[in-house]
């Protein structure tokens, strides 16, 4: 039996899925090429790591599709000096990509198993600028402001706490709506009391747990 060619599959994923979705930032493409996605999926799905599917992770959660991950990384435009918050660690793959791009990453997941597995995967990759937390970040996390926030589950509406958690010039990626209509948005803080919203693409993600619709921000 011929061994699965992970490098060829990785190349095909980038050229056939990610680039066609207008992900052209070379730093993002290089990061995706350098992080072994096959090491972050459940073992039984290892040969499907580069497929255009949302891979099941258990607990009702999925790993984002490669093209969505690429668009998130490009939209957030993470810089080497940035402090990043990830809401929903999941498999830890997007966490690893963010860590390659940022100064440091705080990643929070409500499922302890996800955090435990991701911690080992990140350690194996030599990524030490990530702090993983078990907890509920659906209403923000900590007192600090972040340069970039990635929310990896969908919400019915954007809670004000996330926009307040952005530093000046900070970017928030979030998917808003209810099935079957969901919209990926980029929120950028342009002033102490001013934010702008950009519609990126339509998609569908499992909902973020424990999200309350109260104190939402309307543009």
C-alpha atoms as a PDB file:
ATOM      1  CA  UNK A   1       0.000   0.000   0.000  1.00  0.00           C
ATOM      2  CA  UNK A   2       1.342   3.425  -0.940  1.00  0.00           C
ATOM      3  CA  UNK A   3       2.056   5.685   2.030  1.00  0.00           C
ATOM      4  CA  UNK A   4      -0.108   8.798   2.266  1.00  0.00           C
ATOM      5  CA  UNK A   5       1.818  11.814   0.996  1.00  0.00           C
ATOM      6  CA  UNK A   6       1.115  14.469   3.617  1.00  0.00           C
ATOM      7  CA  UNK A   7       3.351  17.081   1.989  1.00  0.00           C
ATOM      8  CA  UNK A   8       1.594  16.762  -1.354  1.00  0.00           C
ATOM      9  CA  UNK A   9      -1.786  16.901   0.390  1.00  0.00           C
ATOM     10  CA  UNK A  10      -0.691  20.030   2.272  1.00  0.00           C
ATOM     11  CA  UNK A  11       0.433  21.669  -0.974  1.00  0.00           C
ATOM     12  CA  UNK A  12      -2.866  20.758  -2.662  1.00  0.00           C
ATOM     13  CA  UNK A  13      -4.851  22.128   0.300  1.00  0.00           C
ATOM     14  CA  UNK A  14      -3.111  25.492   0.042  1.00  0.00           C
ATOM     15  CA  UNK A  15      -3.277  25.737  -3.755  1.00  0.00           C
ATOM     16  CA  UNK A  16      -6.757  24.278  -4.307  1.00  0.00           C
ATOM     17  CA  UNK A  17      -8.683  25.375  -1.211  1.00  0.00           C
ATOM     18  CA  UNK A  18      -6.990  28.264   0.548  1.00  0.00           C
ATOM     19  CA  UNK A  19      -5.587  30.417  -2.273  1.00  0.00           C
ATOM     20  CA  UNK A  20      -8.851  30.227  -4.271  1.00  0.00           C
ATOM     21  CA  UNK A  21     -10.581  31.707  -1.230  1.00  0.00           C
ATOM     22  CA  UNK A  22      -8.444  34.840  -1.706  1.00  0.00           C
ATOM     23  CA  UNK A  23      -5.955  34.004   1.030  1.00  0.00           C
ATOM     24  CA  UNK A  24      -2.868  35.578  -0.522  1.00  0.00           C
ATOM     25  CA  UNK A  25      -0.948  36.887   2.501  1.00  0.00           C
ATOM     26  CA  UNK A  26       2.413  35.134   2.228  1.00  0.00           C
ATOM     27  CA  UNK A  27       2.996  35.098   5.992  1.00  0.00           C
ATOM     28  CA  UNK A  28      -0.311  33.283   6.424  1.00  0.00           C
ATOM     29  CA  UNK A  29       0.415  30.802   3.631  1.00  0.00           C
ATOM     30  CA  UNK A  30       3.893  30.107   5.012  1.00  0.00           C
ATOM     31  CA  UNK A  31       2.443  29.557   8.481  1.00  0.00           C
ATOM     32  CA  UNK A  32      -0.175  27.118   7.217  1.00  0.00           C
ATOM     33  CA  UNK A  33       2.518  25.271   5.283  1.00  0.00           C
ATOM     34  CA  UNK A  34       4.764  25.032   8.357  1.00  0.00           C
ATOM     35  CA  UNK A  35       2.223  23.746  10.916  1.00  0.00           C
ATOM     36  CA  UNK A  36       1.501  20.002  10.436  1.00  0.00           C
ATOM     37  CA  UNK A  37      -2.289  19.965  10.371  1.00  0.00           C
ATOM     38  CA  UNK A  38      -2.315  16.163  10.350  1.00  0.00           C
ATOM     39  CA  UNK A  39      -0.900  16.184  13.896  1.00  0.00           C
ATOM     40  CA  UNK A  40      -3.859  18.188  15.214  1.00  0.00           C
ATOM     41  CA  UNK A  41      -6.775  16.088  13.995  1.00  0.00           C
ATOM     42  CA  UNK A  42      -8.128  13.007  15.789  1.00  0.00           C
ATOM     43  CA  UNK A  43      -6.074   9.992  14.716  1.00  0.00           C
ATOM     44  CA  UNK A  44      -8.934   8.311  12.844  1.00  0.00           C
ATOM     45  CA  UNK A  45      -9.253  11.382  10.593  1.00  0.00           C
ATOM     46  CA  UNK A  46      -5.526  11.843   9.989  1.00  0.00           C
ATOM     47  CA  UNK A  47      -5.735  11.124   6.249  1.00  0.00           C
ATOM     48  CA  UNK A  48      -8.607  13.631   5.973  1.00  0.00           C
ATOM     49  CA  UNK A  49      -6.657  16.441   7.633  1.00  0.00           C
ATOM     50  CA  UNK A  50      -6.398  18.399   4.379  1.00  0.00           C
ATOM     51  CA  UNK A  51      -9.926  17.779   3.084  1.00  0.00           C
ATOM     52  CA  UNK A  52     -12.515  20.518   2.621  1.00  0.00           C
ATOM     53  CA  UNK A  53     -14.596  19.313   5.564  1.00  0.00           C
ATOM     54  CA  UNK A  54     -15.252  20.297   9.171  1.00  0.00           C
ATOM     55  CA  UNK A  55     -13.628  17.388  11.004  1.00  0.00           C
ATOM     56  CA  UNK A  56     -15.533  16.179  14.119  1.00  0.00           C
ATOM     57  CA  UNK A  57     -13.646  16.657  17.389  1.00  0.00           C
ATOM     58  CA  UNK A  58     -16.216  15.238  19.793  1.00  0.00           C
ATOM     59  CA  UNK A  59     -18.415  17.060  22.310  1.00  0.00           C
ATOM     60  CA  UNK A  60     -20.447  18.421  19.390  1.00  0.00           C
ATOM     61  CA  UNK A  61     -17.514  20.496  18.115  1.00  0.00           C
ATOM     62  CA  UNK A  62     -15.663  20.489  14.806  1.00  0.00           C
ATOM     63  CA  UNK A  63     -12.306  21.587  13.421  1.00  0.00           C
ATOM     64  CA  UNK A  64     -12.705  24.532  11.086  1.00  0.00           C
ATOM     65  CA  UNK A  65     -12.275  23.976   7.352  1.00  0.00           C
ATOM     66  CA  UNK A  66      -8.829  24.901   6.010  1.00  0.00           C
ATOM     67  CA  UNK A  67     -10.152  27.769   3.887  1.00  0.00           C
ATOM     68  CA  UNK A  68     -11.972  29.285   6.860  1.00  0.00           C
ATOM     69  CA  UNK A  69      -8.815  29.037   8.979  1.00  0.00           C
ATOM     70  CA  UNK A  70      -6.880  30.772   6.238  1.00  0.00           C
ATOM     71  CA  UNK A  71      -9.395  33.597   6.005  1.00  0.00           C
ATOM     72  CA  UNK A  72      -9.374  34.056   9.785  1.00  0.00           C
ATOM     73  CA  UNK A  73      -5.594  34.349   9.878  1.00  0.00           C
ATOM     74  CA  UNK A  74      -5.529  36.763   6.956  1.00  0.00           C
ATOM     75  CA  UNK A  75      -8.374  38.934   8.254  1.00  0.00           C
ATOM     76  CA  UNK A  76      -6.837  39.288  11.720  1.00  0.00           C
ATOM     77  CA  UNK A  77      -3.523  40.387  10.165  1.00  0.00           C
ATOM     78  CA  UNK A  78      -1.617  39.233  13.251  1.00  0.00           C
ATOM     79  CA  UNK A  79       1.740  40.953  13.775  1.00  0.00           C
ATOM     80  CA  UNK A  80       4.811  39.654  15.631  1.00  0.00           C
ATOM     81  CA  UNK A  81       4.138  42.090  18.506  1.00  0.00           C
ATOM     82  CA  UNK A  82       0.443  41.251  18.913  1.00  0.00           C
ATOM     83  CA  UNK A  83      -1.302  39.792  21.955  1.00  0.00           C
ATOM     84  CA  UNK A  84      -4.057  37.457  20.760  1.00  0.00           C
ATOM     85  CA  UNK A  85      -7.113  35.892  22.409  1.00  0.00           C
ATOM     86  CA  UNK A  86      -8.654  32.747  20.951  1.00  0.00           C
ATOM     87  CA  UNK A  87     -12.137  31.824  22.175  1.00  0.00           C
ATOM     88  CA  UNK A  88     -12.399  28.081  21.585  1.00  0.00           C
ATOM     89  CA  UNK A  89      -9.141  26.129  21.406  1.00  0.00           C
ATOM     90  CA  UNK A  90     -10.635  23.052  19.778  1.00  0.00           C
ATOM     91  CA  UNK A  91      -7.950  20.925  18.135  1.00  0.00           C
ATOM     92  CA  UNK A  92      -5.272  23.548  18.726  1.00  0.00           C
ATOM     93  CA  UNK A  93      -4.317  23.932  15.063  1.00  0.00           C
ATOM     94  CA  UNK A  94      -5.494  27.518  14.676  1.00  0.00           C
ATOM     95  CA  UNK A  95      -3.888  28.187  18.060  1.00  0.00           C
ATOM     96  CA  UNK A  96      -0.558  26.958  16.697  1.00  0.00           C
ATOM     97  CA  UNK A  97      -0.874  29.136  13.588  1.00  0.00           C
ATOM     98  CA  UNK A  98      -1.708  32.191  15.683  1.00  0.00           C
ATOM     99  CA  UNK A  99       1.275  31.456  17.926  1.00  0.00           C
ATOM    100  CA  UNK A 100       3.586  31.390  14.897  1.00  0.00           C
ATOM    101  CA  UNK A 101       2.344  34.848  13.892  1.00  0.00           C
ATOM    102  CA  UNK A 102       1.904  36.622  17.259  1.00  0.00           C
ATOM    103  CA  UNK A 103       3.959  37.593  20.293  1.00  0.00           C
ATOM    104  CA  UNK A 104       1.681  35.504  22.512  1.00  0.00           C
ATOM    105  CA  UNK A 105      -1.709  33.809  22.516  1.00  0.00           C
ATOM    106  CA  UNK A 106      -4.224  33.182  25.281  1.00  0.00           C
ATOM    107  CA  UNK A 107      -6.581  30.390  24.227  1.00  0.00           C
ATOM    108  CA  UNK A 108      -9.646  29.355  26.218  1.00  0.00           C
ATOM    109  CA  UNK A 109     -11.905  26.333  25.842  1.00  0.00           C
ATOM    110  CA  UNK A 110     -14.771  25.112  27.965  1.00  0.00           C
ATOM    111  CA  UNK A 111     -13.891  21.433  27.270  1.00  0.00           C
ATOM    112  CA  UNK A 112     -10.983  20.296  29.501  1.00  0.00           C
ATOM    113  CA  UNK A 113     -10.127  17.413  27.146  1.00  0.00           C
ATOM    114  CA  UNK A 114      -9.506  19.827  24.256  1.00  0.00           C
ATOM    115  CA  UNK A 115      -7.157  21.938  26.368  1.00  0.00           C
ATOM    116  CA  UNK A 116      -5.222  18.916  27.636  1.00  0.00           C
ATOM    117  CA  UNK A 117      -4.704  17.474  24.147  1.00  0.00           C
ATOM    118  CA  UNK A 118      -3.887  20.852  22.587  1.00  0.00           C
ATOM    119  CA  UNK A 119      -1.332  21.593  25.304  1.00  0.00           C
ATOM    120  CA  UNK A 120       0.645  18.467  24.416  1.00  0.00           C
ATOM    121  CA  UNK A 121       0.385  19.122  20.685  1.00  0.00           C
ATOM    122  CA  UNK A 122       1.679  22.668  21.085  1.00  0.00           C
ATOM    123  CA  UNK A 123       4.481  21.483  23.345  1.00  0.00           C
ATOM    124  CA  UNK A 124       5.486  18.903  20.750  1.00  0.00           C
ATOM    125  CA  UNK A 125       5.727  21.724  18.200  1.00  0.00           C
ATOM    126  CA  UNK A 126       7.941  23.803  20.493  1.00  0.00           C
ATOM    127  CA  UNK A 127       5.383  26.590  20.805  1.00  0.00           C
ATOM    128  CA  UNK A 128       5.855  28.177  24.208  1.00  0.00           C
ATOM    129  CA  UNK A 129       4.160  31.545  23.659  1.00  0.00           C
ATOM    130  CA  UNK A 130       0.673  30.110  24.251  1.00  0.00           C
ATOM    131  CA  UNK A 131      -1.199  29.989  27.543  1.00  0.00           C
ATOM    132  CA  UNK A 132      -4.159  27.597  27.530  1.00  0.00           C
ATOM    133  CA  UNK A 133      -7.094  27.958  29.904  1.00  0.00           C
ATOM    134  CA  UNK A 134     -10.093  25.807  30.747  1.00  0.00           C
ATOM    135  CA  UNK A 135     -12.993  28.186  31.129  1.00  0.00           C
ATOM    136  CA  UNK A 136     -15.878  30.089  29.601  1.00  0.00           C
ATOM    137  CA  UNK A 137     -14.728  33.065  27.515  1.00  0.00           C
ATOM    138  CA  UNK A 138     -18.123  33.683  25.952  1.00  0.00           C
ATOM    139  CA  UNK A 139     -18.295  36.976  27.871  1.00  0.00           C
ATOM    140  CA  UNK A 140     -14.677  38.014  27.529  1.00  0.00           C
ATOM    141  CA  UNK A 141     -11.493  36.917  29.241  1.00  0.00           C
ATOM    142  CA  UNK A 142      -9.416  38.863  31.729  1.00  0.00           C
ATOM    143  CA  UNK A 143      -8.969  42.600  32.052  1.00  0.00           C
ATOM    144  CA  UNK A 144      -6.416  43.244  29.331  1.00  0.00           C
ATOM    145  CA  UNK A 145      -7.042  44.440  25.797  1.00  0.00           C
ATOM    146  CA  UNK A 146      -6.014  42.353  22.807  1.00  0.00           C
ATOM    147  CA  UNK A 147      -4.720  43.234  19.372  1.00  0.00           C
ATOM    148  CA  UNK A 148      -6.674  40.349  17.840  1.00  0.00           C
ATOM    149  CA  UNK A 149      -9.509  38.098  19.013  1.00  0.00           C
ATOM    150  CA  UNK A 150     -10.599  34.948  17.155  1.00  0.00           C
ATOM    151  CA  UNK A 151     -13.972  33.468  18.136  1.00  0.00           C
ATOM    152  CA  UNK A 152     -14.173  29.952  16.685  1.00  0.00           C
ATOM    153  CA  UNK A 153     -17.856  29.281  17.405  1.00  0.00           C
ATOM    154  CA  UNK A 154     -20.883  31.133  16.087  1.00  0.00           C
ATOM    155  CA  UNK A 155     -23.011  33.592  18.078  1.00  0.00           C
ATOM    156  CA  UNK A 156     -26.515  34.941  17.536  1.00  0.00           C
ATOM    157  CA  UNK A 157     -25.250  38.476  18.176  1.00  0.00           C
ATOM    158  CA  UNK A 158     -21.978  40.132  19.178  1.00  0.00           C
ATOM    159  CA  UNK A 159     -21.574  40.754  22.896  1.00  0.00           C
ATOM    160  CA  UNK A 160     -20.258  44.206  23.733  1.00  0.00           C
ATOM    161  CA  UNK A 161     -17.531  42.766  25.973  1.00  0.00           C
ATOM    162  CA  UNK A 162     -15.554  41.573  22.951  1.00  0.00           C
ATOM    163  CA  UNK A 163     -15.418  44.946  21.260  1.00  0.00           C
ATOM    164  CA  UNK A 164     -14.381  46.485  24.589  1.00  0.00           C
ATOM    165  CA  UNK A 165     -11.604  43.894  24.848  1.00  0.00           C
ATOM    166  CA  UNK A 166      -9.949  45.191  21.681  1.00  0.00           C
ATOM    167  CA  UNK A 167      -7.028  47.593  21.825  1.00  0.00           C
ATOM    168  CA  UNK A 168      -7.084  50.627  19.526  1.00  0.00           C
ATOM    169  CA  UNK A 169      -6.674  49.185  16.035  1.00  0.00           C
ATOM    170  CA  UNK A 170      -7.543  45.716  17.346  1.00  0.00           C
ATOM    171  CA  UNK A 171      -9.423  43.188  15.212  1.00  0.00           C
ATOM    172  CA  UNK A 172     -12.162  40.712  16.126  1.00  0.00           C
ATOM    173  CA  UNK A 173     -13.177  37.760  13.946  1.00  0.00           C
ATOM    174  CA  UNK A 174     -16.602  36.340  14.754  1.00  0.00           C
ATOM    175  CA  UNK A 175     -19.342  34.411  12.952  1.00  0.00           C
ATOM    176  CA  UNK A 176     -22.812  35.827  13.602  1.00  0.00           C
ATOM    177  CA  UNK A 177     -26.258  34.434  12.868  1.00  0.00           C
ATOM    178  CA  UNK A 178     -28.306  31.280  13.105  1.00  0.00           C
ATOM    179  CA  UNK A 179     -28.487  28.276  10.750  1.00  0.00           C
ATOM    180  CA  UNK A 180     -28.649  28.317   7.829  1.00  0.00           C
ATOM    181  CA  UNK A 181     -27.640  32.002   7.545  1.00  0.00           C
ATOM    182  CA  UNK A 182     -24.367  32.952   9.240  1.00  0.00           C
ATOM    183  CA  UNK A 183     -21.934  35.720   8.375  1.00  0.00           C
ATOM    184  CA  UNK A 184     -18.232  35.942   9.162  1.00  0.00           C
ATOM    185  CA  UNK A 185     -17.382  39.449  10.332  1.00  0.00           C
ATOM    186  CA  UNK A 186     -14.246  41.431  11.060  1.00  0.00           C
ATOM    187  CA  UNK A 187     -14.731  44.122  13.713  1.00  0.00           C
ATOM    188  CA  UNK A 188     -11.964  46.727  13.982  1.00  0.00           C
ATOM    189  CA  UNK A 189     -11.640  49.253  16.794  1.00  0.00           C
ATOM    190  CA  UNK A 190     -10.821  52.621  15.247  1.00  0.00           C
ATOM    191  CA  UNK A 191     -11.403  54.800  18.324  1.00  0.00           C
ATOM    192  CA  UNK A 192     -12.228  54.584  22.004  1.00  0.00           C
ATOM    193  CA  UNK A 193     -15.923  54.566  21.116  1.00  0.00           C
ATOM    194  CA  UNK A 194     -15.853  53.671  17.453  1.00  0.00           C
ATOM    195  CA  UNK A 195     -15.730  50.343  15.628  1.00  0.00           C
ATOM    196  CA  UNK A 196     -16.157  49.359  11.995  1.00  0.00           C
ATOM    197  CA  UNK A 197     -17.582  46.118  10.664  1.00  0.00           C
ATOM    198  CA  UNK A 198     -16.568  44.278   7.503  1.00  0.00           C
ATOM    199  CA  UNK A 199     -18.506  41.336   6.083  1.00  0.00           C
ATOM    200  CA  UNK A 200     -16.068  38.625   4.999  1.00  0.00           C
ATOM    201  CA  UNK A 201     -18.039  35.579   3.837  1.00  0.00           C
ATOM    202  CA  UNK A 202     -21.000  33.309   4.578  1.00  0.00           C
ATOM    203  CA  UNK A 203     -20.386  30.125   6.532  1.00  0.00           C
ATOM    204  CA  UNK A 204     -21.889  27.922   9.230  1.00  0.00           C
ATOM    205  CA  UNK A 205     -20.299  26.963  12.558  1.00  0.00           C
ATOM    206  CA  UNK A 206     -21.542  25.205  15.700  1.00  0.00           C
ATOM    207  CA  UNK A 207     -22.651  27.769  18.295  1.00  0.00           C
ATOM    208  CA  UNK A 208     -20.332  28.979  21.018  1.00  0.00           C
ATOM    209  CA  UNK A 209     -21.492  27.561  24.328  1.00  0.00           C
ATOM    210  CA  UNK A 210     -23.167  29.692  27.002  1.00  0.00           C
ATOM    211  CA  UNK A 211     -23.535  32.742  24.796  1.00  0.00           C
ATOM    212  CA  UNK A 212     -26.210  35.081  26.116  1.00  0.00           C
ATOM    213  CA  UNK A 213     -27.853  37.543  23.716  1.00  0.00           C
ATOM    214  CA  UNK A 214     -27.911  40.348  26.316  1.00  0.00           C
ATOM    215  CA  UNK A 215     -25.763  43.487  26.084  1.00  0.00           C
ATOM    216  CA  UNK A 216     -25.139  43.080  22.397  1.00  0.00           C
ATOM    217  CA  UNK A 217     -23.573  45.731  20.225  1.00  0.00           C
ATOM    218  CA  UNK A 218     -25.551  46.964  17.249  1.00  0.00           C
ATOM    219  CA  UNK A 219     -23.823  48.895  14.469  1.00  0.00           C
END
